[in-house]
C-alpha atoms as a PDB file:
ATOM      1  CA  MET A   1     -11.324  12.187   1.608  1.00  0.00           C
ATOM      2  CA  PRO A   2      -9.094  12.056   4.614  1.00  0.00           C
ATOM      3  CA  GLU A   3      -6.868  14.732   5.445  1.00  0.00           C
ATOM      4  CA  ILE A   4      -3.096  13.453   6.031  1.00  0.00           C
ATOM      5  CA  TYR A   5      -1.190  14.943   9.121  1.00  0.00           C
ATOM      6  CA  THR A   6       2.577  14.608   9.652  1.00  0.00           C
ATOM      7  CA  LYS A   7       4.737  15.470  12.744  1.00  0.00           C
ATOM      8  CA  ALA A   8       5.631  18.888  11.272  1.00  0.00           C
ATOM      9  CA  LYS A   9       1.826  19.864  11.057  1.00  0.00           C
ATOM     10  CA  ALA A  10       0.794  18.609  14.301  1.00  0.00           C
ATOM     11  CA  ARG A  11       3.924  20.312  16.063  1.00  0.00           C
ATOM     12  CA  LYS A  12       2.885  23.833  14.286  1.00  0.00           C
ATOM     13  CA  ARG A  13      -0.861  23.436  14.884  1.00  0.00           C
ATOM     14  CA  SER A  14      -0.355  22.718  18.214  1.00  0.00           C
ATOM     15  CA  ASN A  15       2.351  25.257  19.316  1.00  0.00           C
ATOM     16  CA  LYS A  16       3.994  22.802  21.437  1.00  0.00           C
ATOM     17  CA  ALA A  17       7.248  22.925  19.531  1.00  0.00           C
ATOM     18  CA  LYS A  18      10.502  23.916  21.465  1.00  0.00           C
ATOM     19  CA  ASP A  19      12.992  27.002  20.212  1.00  0.00           C
ATOM     20  CA  ALA A  20      15.984  26.027  18.356  1.00  0.00           C
ATOM     21  CA  ALA A  21      17.808  27.603  21.332  1.00  0.00           C
ATOM     22  CA  ASP A  22      16.406  25.096  23.828  1.00  0.00           C
ATOM     23  CA  GLN A  23      17.099  22.114  21.677  1.00  0.00           C
ATOM     24  CA  ASP A  24      20.880  23.209  21.546  1.00  0.00           C
ATOM     25  CA  GLY A  25      21.127  23.175  25.205  1.00  0.00           C
ATOM     26  CA  PRO A  26      22.175  20.309  27.553  1.00  0.00           C
ATOM     27  CA  ALA A  27      19.620  17.612  28.395  1.00  0.00           C
ATOM     28  CA  THR A  28      16.976  18.120  31.013  1.00  0.00           C
ATOM     29  CA  ARG A  29      16.930  16.495  34.506  1.00  0.00           C
ATOM     30  CA  HIS A  30      13.670  14.882  33.498  1.00  0.00           C
ATOM     31  CA  GLN A  31      15.067  13.355  30.322  1.00  0.00           C
ATOM     32  CA  ALA A  32      18.353  12.265  32.098  1.00  0.00           C
ATOM     33  CA  ARG A  33      16.010  10.399  34.929  1.00  0.00           C
ATOM     34  CA  LEU A  34      13.845   8.862  31.946  1.00  0.00           C
ATOM     35  CA  LEU A  35      16.884   7.815  30.504  1.00  0.00           C
ATOM     36  CA  ARG A  36      18.337   6.162  33.674  1.00  0.00           C
ATOM     37  CA  GLN A  37      14.679   4.133  34.241  1.00  0.00           C
ATOM     38  CA  LEU A  38      14.846   2.798  30.869  1.00  0.00           C
ATOM     39  CA  GLY A  39      18.311   1.099  31.403  1.00  0.00           C
ATOM     40  CA  TYR A  40      20.612   3.734  29.263  1.00  0.00           C
ATOM     41  CA  SER A  41      24.185   2.778  29.911  1.00  0.00           C
ATOM     42  CA  ILE A  42      27.665   3.495  28.416  1.00  0.00           C
ATOM     43  CA  THR A  43      30.730   1.747  27.887  1.00  0.00           C
ATOM     44  CA  VAL A  44      33.726   2.441  29.888  1.00  0.00           C
ATOM     45  CA  GLY A  45      37.409   1.172  29.995  1.00  0.00           C
ATOM     46  CA  LYS A  46      39.837   1.108  27.374  1.00  0.00           C
ATOM     47  CA  LYS A  47      41.379  -2.631  27.621  1.00  0.00           C
ATOM     48  CA  VAL A  48      38.555  -4.117  29.177  1.00  0.00           C
ATOM     49  CA  LYS A  49      35.093  -3.125  27.924  1.00  0.00           C
ATOM     50  CA  ARG A  50      31.999  -2.943  30.519  1.00  0.00           C
ATOM     51  CA  THR A  51      29.031  -0.802  30.607  1.00  0.00           C
ATOM     52  CA  ARG A  52      27.503   1.290  33.437  1.00  0.00           C
ATOM     53  CA  LYS A  53      24.683   3.340  33.919  1.00  0.00           C
ATOM     54  CA  PRO A  54      25.770   7.089  33.973  1.00  0.00           C
ATOM     55  CA  GLY A  55      24.531   9.776  36.677  1.00  0.00           C
ATOM     56  CA  LEU A  56      22.117  12.317  36.062  1.00  0.00           C
ATOM     57  CA  ALA A  57      24.848  14.983  36.099  1.00  0.00           C
ATOM     58  CA  TRP A  58      27.028  13.238  33.402  1.00  0.00           C
ATOM     59  CA  ILE A  59      23.905  12.882  31.296  1.00  0.00           C
ATOM     60  CA  GLN A  60      22.989  16.628  31.430  1.00  0.00           C
ATOM     61  CA  LYS A  61      26.641  17.701  30.910  1.00  0.00           C
ATOM     62  CA  ASN A  62      27.593  15.352  28.113  1.00  0.00           C
ATOM     63  CA  MET A  63      24.276  15.011  26.065  1.00  0.00           C
ATOM     64  CA  SER A  64      22.394  17.698  24.176  1.00  0.00           C
ATOM     65  CA  PHE A  65      18.466  17.879  24.528  1.00  0.00           C
ATOM     66  CA  GLU A  66      18.215  16.562  21.134  1.00  0.00           C
ATOM     67  CA  GLN A  67      20.530  13.544  21.810  1.00  0.00           C
ATOM     68  CA  ALA A  68      18.689  12.808  24.930  1.00  0.00           C
ATOM     69  CA  GLY A  69      15.363  12.862  23.091  1.00  0.00           C
ATOM     70  CA  GLN A  70      16.406  10.522  20.298  1.00  0.00           C
ATOM     71  CA  THR A  71      17.615   8.068  22.809  1.00  0.00           C
ATOM     72  CA  LEU A  72      14.564   8.223  24.778  1.00  0.00           C
ATOM     73  CA  LYS A  73      12.763   7.508  21.684  1.00  0.00           C
ATOM     74  CA  MET A  74      14.861   4.733  20.798  1.00  0.00           C
ATOM     75  CA  LEU A  75      14.546   3.383  24.318  1.00  0.00           C
ATOM     76  CA  ILE A  76      11.177   3.402  24.432  1.00  0.00           C
ATOM     77  CA  ALA A  77      10.428   1.694  21.168  1.00  0.00           C
ATOM     78  CA  GLU A  78      12.601  -0.884  22.219  1.00  0.00           C
ATOM     79  CA  LYS A  79      10.683  -1.526  25.077  1.00  0.00           C
ATOM     80  CA  ARG A  80       7.487  -1.597  23.382  1.00  0.00           C
ATOM     81  CA  ASN A  81       8.767  -3.669  20.517  1.00  0.00           C
ATOM     82  CA  LYS A  82       7.291  -1.119  18.106  1.00  0.00           C
ATOM     83  CA  ARG A  83       8.465   1.475  15.686  1.00  0.00           C
ATOM     84  CA  ALA A  84       9.665   4.846  17.454  1.00  0.00           C
ATOM     85  CA  GLY A  85       6.656   6.873  16.329  1.00  0.00           C
ATOM     86  CA  LYS A  86       4.505   7.460  13.410  1.00  0.00           C
ATOM     87  CA  THR A  87       5.672   9.620  10.523  1.00  0.00           C
ATOM     88  CA  SER A  88       1.896  10.416   9.224  1.00  0.00           C
ATOM     89  CA  TRP A  89      -1.557   9.370   9.960  1.00  0.00           C
ATOM     90  CA  GLU A  90      -4.988   9.692   8.332  1.00  0.00           C
ATOM     91  CA  ILE A  91      -7.952  11.829  10.105  1.00  0.00           C
ATOM     92  CA  LYS A  92     -11.328  10.654   8.481  1.00  0.00           C
ATOM     93  CA  VAL A  93     -13.235  14.016   8.443  1.00  0.00           C
ATOM     94  CA  PRO A  94     -17.017  13.454   8.120  1.00  0.00           C
ATOM     95  CA  ALA A  95     -19.088  14.813   5.292  1.00  0.00           C
ATOM     96  CA  ARG A  96     -19.987  18.452   5.686  1.00  0.00           C
ATOM     97  CA  PRO A  97     -23.679  18.711   5.133  1.00  0.00           C
ATOM     98  CA  PHE A  98     -23.631  22.009   2.992  1.00  0.00           C
ATOM     99  CA  LEU A  99     -21.779  20.063   0.214  1.00  0.00           C
ATOM    100  CA  GLU A 100     -24.376  17.496   0.354  1.00  0.00           C
ATOM    101  CA  LEU A 101     -27.215  19.780  -1.195  1.00  0.00           C
ATOM    102  CA  ASP A 102     -29.215  18.945  -4.218  1.00  0.00           C
ATOM    103  CA  PRO A 103     -27.717  21.067  -6.931  1.00  0.00           C
ATOM    104  CA  GLN A 104     -31.000  22.048  -8.177  1.00  0.00           C
ATOM    105  CA  LEU A 105     -31.774  23.591  -4.549  1.00  0.00           C
ATOM    106  CA  VAL A 106     -28.365  25.578  -4.825  1.00  0.00           C
ATOM    107  CA  ILE A 107     -29.223  26.746  -8.351  1.00  0.00           C
ATOM    108  CA  ASN A 108     -32.995  28.137  -7.159  1.00  0.00           C
ATOM    109  CA  ALA A 109     -31.475  29.804  -3.943  1.00  0.00           C
ATOM    110  CA  LEU A 110     -29.005  31.530  -6.130  1.00  0.00           C
ATOM    111  CA  ALA A 111     -31.356  32.568  -8.630  1.00  0.00           C
ATOM    112  CA  ALA A 112     -33.480  33.813  -5.954  1.00  0.00           C
ATOM    113  CA  GLU A 113     -30.823  35.975  -4.151  1.00  0.00           C
ATOM    114  CA  PHE A 114     -29.680  37.519  -7.802  1.00  0.00           C
ATOM    115  CA  ASN A 115     -33.243  38.490  -8.219  1.00  0.00           C
ATOM    116  CA  ARG A 116     -33.893  39.805  -4.572  1.00  0.00           C
ATOM    117  CA  ARG A 117     -30.891  42.227  -4.964  1.00  0.00           C
ATOM    118  CA  ARG A 118     -32.043  43.884  -8.559  1.00  0.00           C
END
C-alpha cells in the first residue's frame, strides 16, 4: 500500500521548517535577488500607471518573508508553466520480507518458541 506524504509531513520530517519568528520578519536579500531575476515588478504613479522593478532594499523593507516566498512560488510556476508545487505525492514502499512468510511456518515457529520457554 503506498504511503501518502503531504508538505506538512515532509517539512516535519526534514526539520527544515522555519521558525514562526523568521516568517514574520522581512524578506531576505536572497529572496529579493530572485524576485528581481524572475521579473517581479510593481505599479507606480497615480494618474499614469506604469510598472518598474523595485530595488533590493525596497523589497526587503516592504515585503515580509512569507509574501516574498509566495510571490517567488507564483513567478517560478509562471516560468515553468506548471503548478507551483505538489500538495501530496505517493511513495511506493516495497513489500517487506517478514510479511511474506508462509502462515504455517509462523505458527510452527511460535509453537516451538512457546514450548521452549516451558
